[in-house]
Amino acid sequence: ARTRRSVDVRARARQRWRRRSTPSS
């Protein structure tokens, strides 16, 4: 469970970074 939570946190962080850095945004 801890491993899954850490993976989910990293995945959400990457998604937020992509949304902020894309030209459309």
mmCIF file of all heavy atoms, coordinates in Angstrom:
data_MODEL
# 
_entry.id   MODEL 
# 
loop_
_atom_site.group_PDB 
_atom_site.id 
_atom_site.type_symbol 
_atom_site.label_atom_id 
_atom_site.label_alt_id 
_atom_site.label_comp_id 
_atom_site.label_asym_id 
_atom_site.label_entity_id 
_atom_site.label_seq_id 
_atom_site.pdbx_PDB_ins_code 
_atom_site.Cartn_x 
_atom_site.Cartn_y 
_atom_site.Cartn_z 
_atom_site.occupancy 
_atom_site.B_iso_or_equiv 
_atom_site.pdbx_formal_charge 
_atom_site.auth_seq_id 
_atom_site.auth_comp_id 
_atom_site.auth_asym_id 
_atom_site.auth_atom_id 
_atom_site.pdbx_PDB_model_num 
ATOM 1   N N   . ALA A 1 1  ? 0.824  -1.206 0.000   1.00 0.00 ? 1  ALA A N   1 
ATOM 2   C CA  . ALA A 1 1  ? 0.000  0.000  0.000   1.00 0.00 ? 1  ALA A CA  1 
ATOM 3   C C   . ALA A 1 1  ? 0.858  1.256  0.000   1.00 0.00 ? 1  ALA A C   1 
ATOM 4   O O   . ALA A 1 1  ? 0.563  2.219  -0.710  1.00 0.00 ? 1  ALA A O   1 
ATOM 5   C CB  . ALA A 1 1  ? -0.927 -0.015 1.221   1.00 0.00 ? 1  ALA A CB  1 
ATOM 6   N N   . ARG A 1 2  ? 1.936  1.251  0.822   1.00 0.00 ? 2  ARG A N   1 
ATOM 7   C CA  . ARG A 1 2  ? 2.830  2.412  0.841   1.00 0.00 ? 2  ARG A CA  1 
ATOM 8   C C   . ARG A 1 2  ? 3.473  2.626  -0.513  1.00 0.00 ? 2  ARG A C   1 
ATOM 9   O O   . ARG A 1 2  ? 3.612  3.764  -0.984  1.00 0.00 ? 2  ARG A O   1 
ATOM 10  C CB  . ARG A 1 2  ? 3.909  2.219  1.913   1.00 0.00 ? 2  ARG A CB  1 
ATOM 11  C CG  . ARG A 1 2  ? 3.386  2.356  3.338   1.00 0.00 ? 2  ARG A CG  1 
ATOM 12  C CD  . ARG A 1 2  ? 4.550  2.553  4.304   1.00 0.00 ? 2  ARG A CD  1 
ATOM 13  N NE  . ARG A 1 2  ? 5.491  1.445  4.231   1.00 0.00 ? 2  ARG A NE  1 
ATOM 14  C CZ  . ARG A 1 2  ? 5.430  0.371  5.010   1.00 0.00 ? 2  ARG A CZ  1 
ATOM 15  N NH1 . ARG A 1 2  ? 4.436  0.238  5.890   1.00 0.00 ? 2  ARG A NH1 1 
ATOM 16  N NH2 . ARG A 1 2  ? 6.336  -0.590 4.913   1.00 0.00 ? 2  ARG A NH2 1 
ATOM 17  N N   . THR A 1 3  ? 3.864  1.530  -1.160  1.00 0.00 ? 3  THR A N   1 
ATOM 18  C CA  . THR A 1 3  ? 4.485  1.635  -2.476  1.00 0.00 ? 3  THR A CA  1 
ATOM 19  C C   . THR A 1 3  ? 3.514  2.232  -3.493  1.00 0.00 ? 3  THR A C   1 
ATOM 20  O O   . THR A 1 3  ? 3.863  3.098  -4.298  1.00 0.00 ? 3  THR A O   1 
ATOM 21  C CB  . THR A 1 3  ? 4.968  0.257  -2.945  1.00 0.00 ? 3  THR A CB  1 
ATOM 22  O OG1 . THR A 1 3  ? 5.868  -0.278 -1.982  1.00 0.00 ? 3  THR A OG1 1 
ATOM 23  C CG2 . THR A 1 3  ? 5.665  0.352  -4.283  1.00 0.00 ? 3  THR A CG2 1 
ATOM 24  N N   . ARG A 1 4  ? 2.253  1.767  -3.442  1.00 0.00 ? 4  ARG A N   1 
ATOM 25  C CA  . ARG A 1 4  ? 1.254  2.273  -4.382  1.00 0.00 ? 4  ARG A CA  1 
ATOM 26  C C   . ARG A 1 4  ? 0.983  3.755  -4.140  1.00 0.00 ? 4  ARG A C   1 
ATOM 27  O O   . ARG A 1 4  ? 0.833  4.530  -5.086  1.00 0.00 ? 4  ARG A O   1 
ATOM 28  C CB  . ARG A 1 4  ? -0.028 1.465  -4.251  1.00 0.00 ? 4  ARG A CB  1 
ATOM 29  C CG  . ARG A 1 4  ? 0.079  0.049  -4.814  1.00 0.00 ? 4  ARG A CG  1 
ATOM 30  C CD  . ARG A 1 4  ? -1.202 -0.717 -4.578  1.00 0.00 ? 4  ARG A CD  1 
ATOM 31  N NE  . ARG A 1 4  ? -1.125 -2.052 -5.172  1.00 0.00 ? 4  ARG A NE  1 
ATOM 32  C CZ  . ARG A 1 4  ? -2.055 -2.999 -5.000  1.00 0.00 ? 4  ARG A CZ  1 
ATOM 33  N NH1 . ARG A 1 4  ? -3.128 -2.728 -4.260  1.00 0.00 ? 4  ARG A NH1 1 
ATOM 34  N NH2 . ARG A 1 4  ? -1.903 -4.183 -5.553  1.00 0.00 ? 4  ARG A NH2 1 
ATOM 35  N N   . ARG A 1 5  ? 0.879  4.141  -2.864  1.00 0.00 ? 5  ARG A N   1 
ATOM 36  C CA  . ARG A 1 5  ? 0.621  5.555  -2.566  1.00 0.00 ? 5  ARG A CA  1 
ATOM 37  C C   . ARG A 1 5  ? 1.751  6.444  -3.075  1.00 0.00 ? 5  ARG A C   1 
ATOM 38  O O   . ARG A 1 5  ? 1.521  7.507  -3.640  1.00 0.00 ? 5  ARG A O   1 
ATOM 39  C CB  . ARG A 1 5  ? 0.426  5.746  -1.061  1.00 0.00 ? 5  ARG A CB  1 
ATOM 40  C CG  . ARG A 1 5  ? -0.940 5.296  -0.553  1.00 0.00 ? 5  ARG A CG  1 
ATOM 41  C CD  . ARG A 1 5  ? -1.213 5.896  0.821   1.00 0.00 ? 5  ARG A CD  1 
ATOM 42  N NE  . ARG A 1 5  ? -0.253 5.437  1.798   1.00 0.00 ? 5  ARG A NE  1 
ATOM 43  C CZ  . ARG A 1 5  ? -0.403 4.338  2.535   1.00 0.00 ? 5  ARG A CZ  1 
ATOM 44  N NH1 . ARG A 1 5  ? -1.498 3.598  2.386   1.00 0.00 ? 5  ARG A NH1 1 
ATOM 45  N NH2 . ARG A 1 5  ? 0.505  4.003  3.423   1.00 0.00 ? 5  ARG A NH2 1 
ATOM 46  N N   . SER A 1 6  ? 2.992  6.003  -2.870  1.00 0.00 ? 6  SER A N   1 
ATOM 47  C CA  . SER A 1 6  ? 4.126  6.812  -3.331  1.00 0.00 ? 6  SER A CA  1 
ATOM 48  C C   . SER A 1 6  ? 4.144  6.911  -4.845  1.00 0.00 ? 6  SER A C   1 
ATOM 49  O O   . SER A 1 6  ? 4.467  7.963  -5.408  1.00 0.00 ? 6  SER A O   1 
ATOM 50  C CB  . SER A 1 6  ? 5.434  6.205  -2.820  1.00 0.00 ? 6  SER A CB  1 
ATOM 51  O OG  . SER A 1 6  ? 5.638  4.906  -3.359  1.00 0.00 ? 6  SER A OG  1 
ATOM 52  N N   . VAL A 1 7  ? 3.764  5.817  -5.521  1.00 0.00 ? 7  VAL A N   1 
ATOM 53  C CA  . VAL A 1 7  ? 3.702  5.855  -6.983  1.00 0.00 ? 7  VAL A CA  1 
ATOM 54  C C   . VAL A 1 7  ? 2.624  6.826  -7.441  1.00 0.00 ? 7  VAL A C   1 
ATOM 55  O O   . VAL A 1 7  ? 2.813  7.609  -8.378  1.00 0.00 ? 7  VAL A O   1 
ATOM 56  C CB  . VAL A 1 7  ? 3.447  4.446  -7.543  1.00 0.00 ? 7  VAL A CB  1 
ATOM 57  C CG1 . VAL A 1 7  ? 3.146  4.506  -9.045  1.00 0.00 ? 7  VAL A CG1 1 
ATOM 58  C CG2 . VAL A 1 7  ? 4.656  3.549  -7.300  1.00 0.00 ? 7  VAL A CG2 1 
ATOM 59  N N   . ASP A 1 8  ? 1.447  6.790  -6.775  1.00 0.00 ? 8  ASP A N   1 
ATOM 60  C CA  . ASP A 1 8  ? 0.353  7.679  -7.157  1.00 0.00 ? 8  ASP A CA  1 
ATOM 61  C C   . ASP A 1 8  ? 0.739  9.140  -6.936  1.00 0.00 ? 8  ASP A C   1 
ATOM 62  O O   . ASP A 1 8  ? 0.400  10.009 -7.740  1.00 0.00 ? 8  ASP A O   1 
ATOM 63  C CB  . ASP A 1 8  ? -0.896 7.338  -6.334  1.00 0.00 ? 8  ASP A CB  1 
ATOM 64  C CG  . ASP A 1 8  ? -1.467 5.977  -6.716  1.00 0.00 ? 8  ASP A CG  1 
ATOM 65  O OD1 . ASP A 1 8  ? -1.130 5.501  -7.811  1.00 0.00 ? 8  ASP A OD1 1 
ATOM 66  O OD2 . ASP A 1 8  ? -2.228 5.405  -5.909  1.00 0.00 ? 8  ASP A OD2 1 
ATOM 67  N N   . VAL A 1 9  ? 1.408  9.439  -5.836  1.00 0.00 ? 9  VAL A N   1 
ATOM 68  C CA  . VAL A 1 9  ? 1.814  10.812 -5.551  1.00 0.00 ? 9  VAL A CA  1 
ATOM 69  C C   . VAL A 1 9  ? 2.765  11.318 -6.627  1.00 0.00 ? 9  VAL A C   1 
ATOM 70  O O   . VAL A 1 9  ? 2.625  12.440 -7.127  1.00 0.00 ? 9  VAL A O   1 
ATOM 71  C CB  . VAL A 1 9  ? 2.460  10.905 -4.160  1.00 0.00 ? 9  VAL A CB  1 
ATOM 72  C CG1 . VAL A 1 9  ? 3.131  12.255 -3.962  1.00 0.00 ? 9  VAL A CG1 1 
ATOM 73  C CG2 . VAL A 1 9  ? 1.412  10.681 -3.072  1.00 0.00 ? 9  VAL A CG2 1 
ATOM 74  N N   . ARG A 1 10 ? 3.740  10.447 -6.992  1.00 0.00 ? 10 ARG A N   1 
ATOM 75  C CA  . ARG A 1 10 ? 4.685  10.880 -8.041  1.00 0.00 ? 10 ARG A CA  1 
ATOM 76  C C   . ARG A 1 10 ? 3.972  11.065 -9.374  1.00 0.00 ? 10 ARG A C   1 
ATOM 77  O O   . ARG A 1 10 ? 4.282  11.975 -10.137 1.00 0.00 ? 10 ARG A O   1 
ATOM 78  C CB  . ARG A 1 10 ? 5.810  9.849  -8.162  1.00 0.00 ? 10 ARG A CB  1 
ATOM 79  C CG  . ARG A 1 10 ? 6.766  9.842  -6.986  1.00 0.00 ? 10 ARG A CG  1 
ATOM 80  C CD  . ARG A 1 10 ? 8.034  9.090  -7.339  1.00 0.00 ? 10 ARG A CD  1 
ATOM 81  N NE  . ARG A 1 10 ? 7.756  7.680  -7.615  1.00 0.00 ? 10 ARG A NE  1 
ATOM 82  C CZ  . ARG A 1 10 ? 7.807  6.723  -6.695  1.00 0.00 ? 10 ARG A CZ  1 
ATOM 83  N NH1 . ARG A 1 10 ? 8.081  7.025  -5.422  1.00 0.00 ? 10 ARG A NH1 1 
ATOM 84  N NH2 . ARG A 1 10 ? 7.563  5.460  -7.009  1.00 0.00 ? 10 ARG A NH2 1 
ATOM 85  N N   . ALA A 1 11 ? 3.008  10.186 -9.666  1.00 0.00 ? 11 ALA A N   1 
ATOM 86  C CA  . ALA A 1 11 ? 2.290  10.302 -10.944 1.00 0.00 ? 11 ALA A CA  1 
ATOM 87  C C   . ALA A 1 11 ? 1.484  11.595 -11.003 1.00 0.00 ? 11 ALA A C   1 
ATOM 88  O O   . ALA A 1 11 ? 1.463  12.289 -12.026 1.00 0.00 ? 11 ALA A O   1 
ATOM 89  C CB  . ALA A 1 11 ? 1.376  9.087  -11.124 1.00 0.00 ? 11 ALA A CB  1 
ATOM 90  N N   . ARG A 1 12 ? 0.805  11.928 -9.884  1.00 0.00 ? 12 ARG A N   1 
ATOM 91  C CA  . ARG A 1 12 ? 0.015  13.169 -9.879  1.00 0.00 ? 12 ARG A CA  1 
ATOM 92  C C   . ARG A 1 12 ? 0.922  14.389 -9.996  1.00 0.00 ? 12 ARG A C   1 
ATOM 93  O O   . ARG A 1 12 ? 0.575  15.378 -10.647 1.00 0.00 ? 12 ARG A O   1 
ATOM 94  C CB  . ARG A 1 12 ? -0.809 13.235 -8.590  1.00 0.00 ? 12 ARG A CB  1 
ATOM 95  C CG  . ARG A 1 12 ? -2.001 12.270 -8.582  1.00 0.00 ? 12 ARG A CG  1 
ATOM 96  C CD  . ARG A 1 12 ? -2.976 12.647 -7.476  1.00 0.00 ? 12 ARG A CD  1 
ATOM 97  N NE  . ARG A 1 12 ? -2.372 12.486 -6.158  1.00 0.00 ? 12 ARG A NE  1 
ATOM 98  C CZ  . ARG A 1 12 ? -2.434 11.375 -5.440  1.00 0.00 ? 12 ARG A CZ  1 
ATOM 99  N NH1 . ARG A 1 12 ? -3.079 10.313 -5.921  1.00 0.00 ? 12 ARG A NH1 1 
ATOM 100 N NH2 . ARG A 1 12 ? -1.876 11.323 -4.247  1.00 0.00 ? 12 ARG A NH2 1 
ATOM 101 N N   . ALA A 1 13 ? 2.102  14.334 -9.374  1.00 0.00 ? 13 ALA A N   1 
ATOM 102 C CA  . ALA A 1 13 ? 3.035  15.465 -9.469  1.00 0.00 ? 13 ALA A CA  1 
ATOM 103 C C   . ALA A 1 13 ? 3.494  15.659 -10.904 1.00 0.00 ? 13 ALA A C   1 
ATOM 104 O O   . ALA A 1 13 ? 3.606  16.799 -11.392 1.00 0.00 ? 13 ALA A O   1 
ATOM 105 C CB  . ALA A 1 13 ? 4.219  15.236 -8.540  1.00 0.00 ? 13 ALA A CB  1 
ATOM 106 N N   . ARG A 1 14 ? 3.768  14.536 -11.597 1.00 0.00 ? 14 ARG A N   1 
ATOM 107 C CA  . ARG A 1 14 ? 4.197  14.636 -13.003 1.00 0.00 ? 14 ARG A CA  1 
ATOM 108 C C   . ARG A 1 14 ? 3.087  15.212 -13.869 1.00 0.00 ? 14 ARG A C   1 
ATOM 109 O O   . ARG A 1 14 ? 3.339  16.006 -14.788 1.00 0.00 ? 14 ARG A O   1 
ATOM 110 C CB  . ARG A 1 14 ? 4.626  13.268 -13.524 1.00 0.00 ? 14 ARG A CB  1 
ATOM 111 C CG  . ARG A 1 14 ? 5.992  12.814 -13.029 1.00 0.00 ? 14 ARG A CG  1 
ATOM 112 C CD  . ARG A 1 14 ? 6.501  11.653 -13.864 1.00 0.00 ? 14 ARG A CD  1 
ATOM 113 N NE  . ARG A 1 14 ? 5.650  10.486 -13.716 1.00 0.00 ? 14 ARG A NE  1 
ATOM 114 C CZ  . ARG A 1 14 ? 5.835  9.527  -12.821 1.00 0.00 ? 14 ARG A CZ  1 
ATOM 115 N NH1 . ARG A 1 14 ? 6.851  9.619  -11.953 1.00 0.00 ? 14 ARG A NH1 1 
ATOM 116 N NH2 . ARG A 1 14 ? 5.015  8.493  -12.757 1.00 0.00 ? 14 ARG A NH2 1 
ATOM 117 N N   . GLN A 1 15 ? 1.831  14.811 -13.598 1.00 0.00 ? 15 GLN A N   1 
ATOM 118 C CA  . GLN A 1 15 ? 0.716  15.333 -14.381 1.00 0.00 ? 15 GLN A CA  1 
ATOM 119 C C   . GLN A 1 15 ? 0.557  16.841 -14.189 1.00 0.00 ? 15 GLN A C   1 
ATOM 120 O O   . GLN A 1 15 ? 0.304  17.588 -15.149 1.00 0.00 ? 15 GLN A O   1 
ATOM 121 C CB  . GLN A 1 15 ? -0.574 14.605 -13.987 1.00 0.00 ? 15 GLN A CB  1 
ATOM 122 C CG  . GLN A 1 15 ? -0.612 13.154 -14.431 1.00 0.00 ? 15 GLN A CG  1 
ATOM 123 C CD  . GLN A 1 15 ? -1.840 12.437 -13.916 1.00 0.00 ? 15 GLN A CD  1 
ATOM 124 O OE1 . GLN A 1 15 ? -2.648 13.017 -13.184 1.00 0.00 ? 15 GLN A OE1 1 
ATOM 125 N NE2 . GLN A 1 15 ? -1.980 11.175 -14.290 1.00 0.00 ? 15 GLN A NE2 1 
ATOM 126 N N   . ARG A 1 16 ? 0.668  17.309 -12.936 1.00 0.00 ? 16 ARG A N   1 
ATOM 127 C CA  . ARG A 1 16 ? 0.555  18.746 -12.691 1.00 0.00 ? 16 ARG A CA  1 
ATOM 128 C C   . ARG A 1 16 ? 1.665  19.509 -13.400 1.00 0.00 ? 16 ARG A C   1 
ATOM 129 O O   . ARG A 1 16 ? 1.436  20.581 -13.974 1.00 0.00 ? 16 ARG A O   1 
ATOM 130 C CB  . ARG A 1 16 ? 0.601  19.019 -11.184 1.00 0.00 ? 16 ARG A CB  1 
ATOM 131 C CG  . ARG A 1 16 ? -0.670 18.584 -10.436 1.00 0.00 ? 16 ARG A CG  1 
ATOM 132 C CD  . ARG A 1 16 ? -0.713 19.221 -9.043  1.00 0.00 ? 16 ARG A CD  1 
ATOM 133 N NE  . ARG A 1 16 ? 0.397  18.772 -8.230  1.00 0.00 ? 16 ARG A NE  1 
ATOM 134 C CZ  . ARG A 1 16 ? 0.356  17.703 -7.424  1.00 0.00 ? 16 ARG A CZ  1 
ATOM 135 N NH1 . ARG A 1 16 ? -0.751 16.983 -7.350  1.00 0.00 ? 16 ARG A NH1 1 
ATOM 136 N NH2 . ARG A 1 16 ? 1.406  17.377 -6.703  1.00 0.00 ? 16 ARG A NH2 1 
ATOM 137 N N   . TRP A 1 17 ? 2.873  18.953 -13.365 1.00 0.00 ? 17 TRP A N   1 
ATOM 138 C CA  . TRP A 1 17 ? 4.002  19.630 -14.028 1.00 0.00 ? 17 TRP A CA  1 
ATOM 139 C C   . TRP A 1 17 ? 3.782  19.709 -15.525 1.00 0.00 ? 17 TRP A C   1 
ATOM 140 O O   . TRP A 1 17 ? 4.072  20.727 -16.157 1.00 0.00 ? 17 TRP A O   1 
ATOM 141 C CB  . TRP A 1 17 ? 5.282  18.869 -13.707 1.00 0.00 ? 17 TRP A CB  1 
ATOM 142 C CG  . TRP A 1 17 ? 6.491  19.495 -14.332 1.00 0.00 ? 17 TRP A CG  1 
ATOM 143 C CD1 . TRP A 1 17 ? 7.226  20.523 -13.871 1.00 0.00 ? 17 TRP A CD1 1 
ATOM 144 C CD2 . TRP A 1 17 ? 7.087  19.109 -15.573 1.00 0.00 ? 17 TRP A CD2 1 
ATOM 145 N NE1 . TRP A 1 17 ? 8.257  20.826 -14.717 1.00 0.00 ? 17 TRP A NE1 1 
ATOM 146 C CE2 . TRP A 1 17 ? 8.193  19.967 -15.788 1.00 0.00 ? 17 TRP A CE2 1 
ATOM 147 C CE3 . TRP A 1 17 ? 6.799  18.143 -16.531 1.00 0.00 ? 17 TRP A CE3 1 
ATOM 148 C CZ2 . TRP A 1 17 ? 9.006  19.859 -16.901 1.00 0.00 ? 17 TRP A CZ2 1 
ATOM 149 C CZ3 . TRP A 1 17 ? 7.604  18.037 -17.646 1.00 0.00 ? 17 TRP A CZ3 1 
ATOM 150 C CH2 . TRP A 1 17 ? 8.702  18.893 -17.824 1.00 0.00 ? 17 TRP A CH2 1 
ATOM 151 N N   . ARG A 1 18 ? 3.243  18.641 -16.124 1.00 0.00 ? 18 ARG A N   1 
ATOM 152 C CA  . ARG A 1 18 ? 2.994  18.646 -17.573 1.00 0.00 ? 18 ARG A CA  1 
ATOM 153 C C   . ARG A 1 18 ? 1.935  19.678 -17.942 1.00 0.00 ? 18 ARG A C   1 
ATOM 154 O O   . ARG A 1 18 ? 2.040  20.368 -18.959 1.00 0.00 ? 18 ARG A O   1 
ATOM 155 C CB  . ARG A 1 18 ? 2.562  17.254 -18.026 1.00 0.00 ? 18 ARG A CB  1 
ATOM 156 C CG  . ARG A 1 18 ? 3.701  16.241 -18.023 1.00 0.00 ? 18 ARG A CG  1 
ATOM 157 C CD  . ARG A 1 18 ? 3.161  14.841 -18.231 1.00 0.00 ? 18 ARG A CD  1 
ATOM 158 N NE  . ARG A 1 18 ? 4.233  13.849 -18.177 1.00 0.00 ? 18 ARG A NE  1 
ATOM 159 C CZ  . ARG A 1 18 ? 4.026  12.551 -18.033 1.00 0.00 ? 18 ARG A CZ  1 
ATOM 160 N NH1 . ARG A 1 18 ? 2.783  12.092 -17.926 1.00 0.00 ? 18 ARG A NH1 1 
ATOM 161 N NH2 . ARG A 1 18 ? 5.047  11.725 -17.990 1.00 0.00 ? 18 ARG A NH2 1 
ATOM 162 N N   . ARG A 1 19 ? 0.877  19.755 -17.130 1.00 0.00 ? 19 ARG A N   1 
ATOM 163 C CA  . ARG A 1 19 ? -0.182 20.723 -17.454 1.00 0.00 ? 19 ARG A CA  1 
ATOM 164 C C   . ARG A 1 19 ? 0.337  22.164 -17.390 1.00 0.00 ? 19 ARG A C   1 
ATOM 165 O O   . ARG A 1 19 ? -0.028 23.010 -18.191 1.00 0.00 ? 19 ARG A O   1 
ATOM 166 C CB  . ARG A 1 19 ? -1.351 20.544 -16.478 1.00 0.00 ? 19 ARG A CB  1 
ATOM 167 C CG  . ARG A 1 19 ? -2.201 19.314 -16.768 1.00 0.00 ? 19 ARG A CG  1 
ATOM 168 C CD  . ARG A 1 19 ? -3.551 19.434 -16.084 1.00 0.00 ? 19 ARG A CD  1 
ATOM 169 N NE  . ARG A 1 19 ? -3.399 19.500 -14.631 1.00 0.00 ? 19 ARG A NE  1 
ATOM 170 C CZ  . ARG A 1 19 ? -3.433 18.431 -13.832 1.00 0.00 ? 19 ARG A CZ  1 
ATOM 171 N NH1 . ARG A 1 19 ? -3.602 17.219 -14.354 1.00 0.00 ? 19 ARG A NH1 1 
ATOM 172 N NH2 . ARG A 1 19 ? -3.303 18.573 -12.531 1.00 0.00 ? 19 ARG A NH2 1 
ATOM 173 N N   . ARG A 1 20 ? 1.219  22.411 -16.434 1.00 0.00 ? 20 ARG A N   1 
ATOM 174 C CA  . ARG A 1 20 ? 1.752  23.769 -16.298 1.00 0.00 ? 20 ARG A CA  1 
ATOM 175 C C   . ARG A 1 20 ? 2.737  24.124 -17.408 1.00 0.00 ? 20 ARG A C   1 
ATOM 176 O O   . ARG A 1 20 ? 2.899  25.286 -17.763 1.00 0.00 ? 20 ARG A O   1 
ATOM 177 C CB  . ARG A 1 20 ? 2.443  23.943 -14.955 1.00 0.00 ? 20 ARG A CB  1 
ATOM 178 C CG  . ARG A 1 20 ? 1.476  23.887 -13.780 1.00 0.00 ? 20 ARG A CG  1 
ATOM 179 C CD  . ARG A 1 20 ? 2.241  23.848 -12.474 1.00 0.00 ? 20 ARG A CD  1 
ATOM 180 N NE  . ARG A 1 20 ? 1.333  23.760 -11.336 1.00 0.00 ? 20 ARG A NE  1 
ATOM 181 C CZ  . ARG A 1 20 ? 1.739  23.568 -10.073 1.00 0.00 ? 20 ARG A CZ  1 
ATOM 182 N NH1 . ARG A 1 20 ? 3.048  23.453 -9.824  1.00 0.00 ? 20 ARG A NH1 1 
ATOM 183 N NH2 . ARG A 1 20 ? 0.862  23.497 -9.103  1.00 0.00 ? 20 ARG A NH2 1 
ATOM 184 N N   . SER A 1 21 ? 3.404  23.115 -17.942 1.00 0.00 ? 21 SER A N   1 
ATOM 185 C CA  . SER A 1 21 ? 4.466  23.398 -18.908 1.00 0.00 ? 21 SER A CA  1 
ATOM 186 C C   . SER A 1 21 ? 4.029  23.285 -20.356 1.00 0.00 ? 21 SER A C   1 
ATOM 187 O O   . SER A 1 21 ? 4.794  23.621 -21.254 1.00 0.00 ? 21 SER A O   1 
ATOM 188 C CB  . SER A 1 21 ? 5.651  22.444 -18.670 1.00 0.00 ? 21 SER A CB  1 
ATOM 189 O OG  . SER A 1 21 ? 5.237  21.096 -18.816 1.00 0.00 ? 21 SER A OG  1 
ATOM 190 N N   . THR A 1 22 ? 2.809  22.810 -20.632 1.00 0.00 ? 22 THR A N   1 
ATOM 191 C CA  . THR A 1 22 ? 2.379  22.669 -22.025 1.00 0.00 ? 22 THR A CA  1 
ATOM 192 C C   . THR A 1 22 ? 1.995  24.022 -22.596 1.00 0.00 ? 22 THR A C   1 
ATOM 193 O O   . THR A 1 22 ? 1.463  24.892 -21.890 1.00 0.00 ? 22 THR A O   1 
ATOM 194 C CB  . THR A 1 22 ? 1.176  21.720 -22.120 1.00 0.00 ? 22 THR A CB  1 
ATOM 195 O OG1 . THR A 1 22 ? 0.162  22.180 -21.217 1.00 0.00 ? 22 THR A OG1 1 
ATOM 196 C CG2 . THR A 1 22 ? 1.573  20.301 -21.770 1.00 0.00 ? 22 THR A CG2 1 
ATOM 197 N N   . PRO A 1 23 ? 2.210  24.270 -23.932 1.00 0.00 ? 23 PRO A N   1 
ATOM 198 C CA  . PRO A 1 23 ? 1.858  25.566 -24.563 1.00 0.00 ? 23 PRO A CA  1 
ATOM 199 C C   . PRO A 1 23 ? 0.392  25.902 -24.444 1.00 0.00 ? 23 PRO A C   1 
ATOM 200 O O   . PRO A 1 23 ? 0.009  27.053 -24.294 1.00 0.00 ? 23 PRO A O   1 
ATOM 201 C CB  . PRO A 1 23 ? 2.283  25.383 -26.017 1.00 0.00 ? 23 PRO A CB  1 
ATOM 202 C CG  . PRO A 1 23 ? 3.318  24.293 -25.965 1.00 0.00 ? 23 PRO A CG  1 
ATOM 203 C CD  . PRO A 1 23 ? 2.908  23.382 -24.852 1.00 0.00 ? 23 PRO A CD  1 
ATOM 204 N N   . SER A 1 24 ? -0.499 24.891 -24.528 1.00 0.00 ? 24 SER A N   1 
ATOM 205 C CA  . SER A 1 24 ? -1.929 25.157 -24.487 1.00 0.00 ? 24 SER A CA  1 
ATOM 206 C C   . SER A 1 24 ? -2.332 25.775 -23.163 1.00 0.00 ? 24 SER A C   1 
ATOM 207 O O   . SER A 1 24 ? -3.169 26.678 -23.102 1.00 0.00 ? 24 SER A O   1 
ATOM 208 C CB  . SER A 1 24 ? -2.719 23.869 -24.716 1.00 0.00 ? 24 SER A CB  1 
ATOM 209 O OG  . SER A 1 24 ? -2.363 22.916 -23.728 1.00 0.00 ? 24 SER A OG  1 
ATOM 210 N N   . SER A 1 25 ? -1.721 25.290 -22.109 1.00 0.00 ? 25 SER A N   1 
ATOM 211 C CA  . SER A 1 25 ? -2.064 25.839 -20.799 1.00 0.00 ? 25 SER A CA  1 
ATOM 212 C C   . SER A 1 25 ? -1.555 27.268 -20.656 1.00 0.00 ? 25 SER A C   1 
ATOM 213 O O   . SER A 1 25 ? -2.153 28.091 -19.985 1.00 0.00 ? 25 SER A O   1 
ATOM 214 C CB  . SER A 1 25 ? -1.480 24.960 -19.680 1.00 0.00 ? 25 SER A CB  1 
ATOM 215 O OG  . SER A 1 25 ? -0.064 24.927 -19.760 1.00 0.00 ? 25 SER A OG  1 
# 
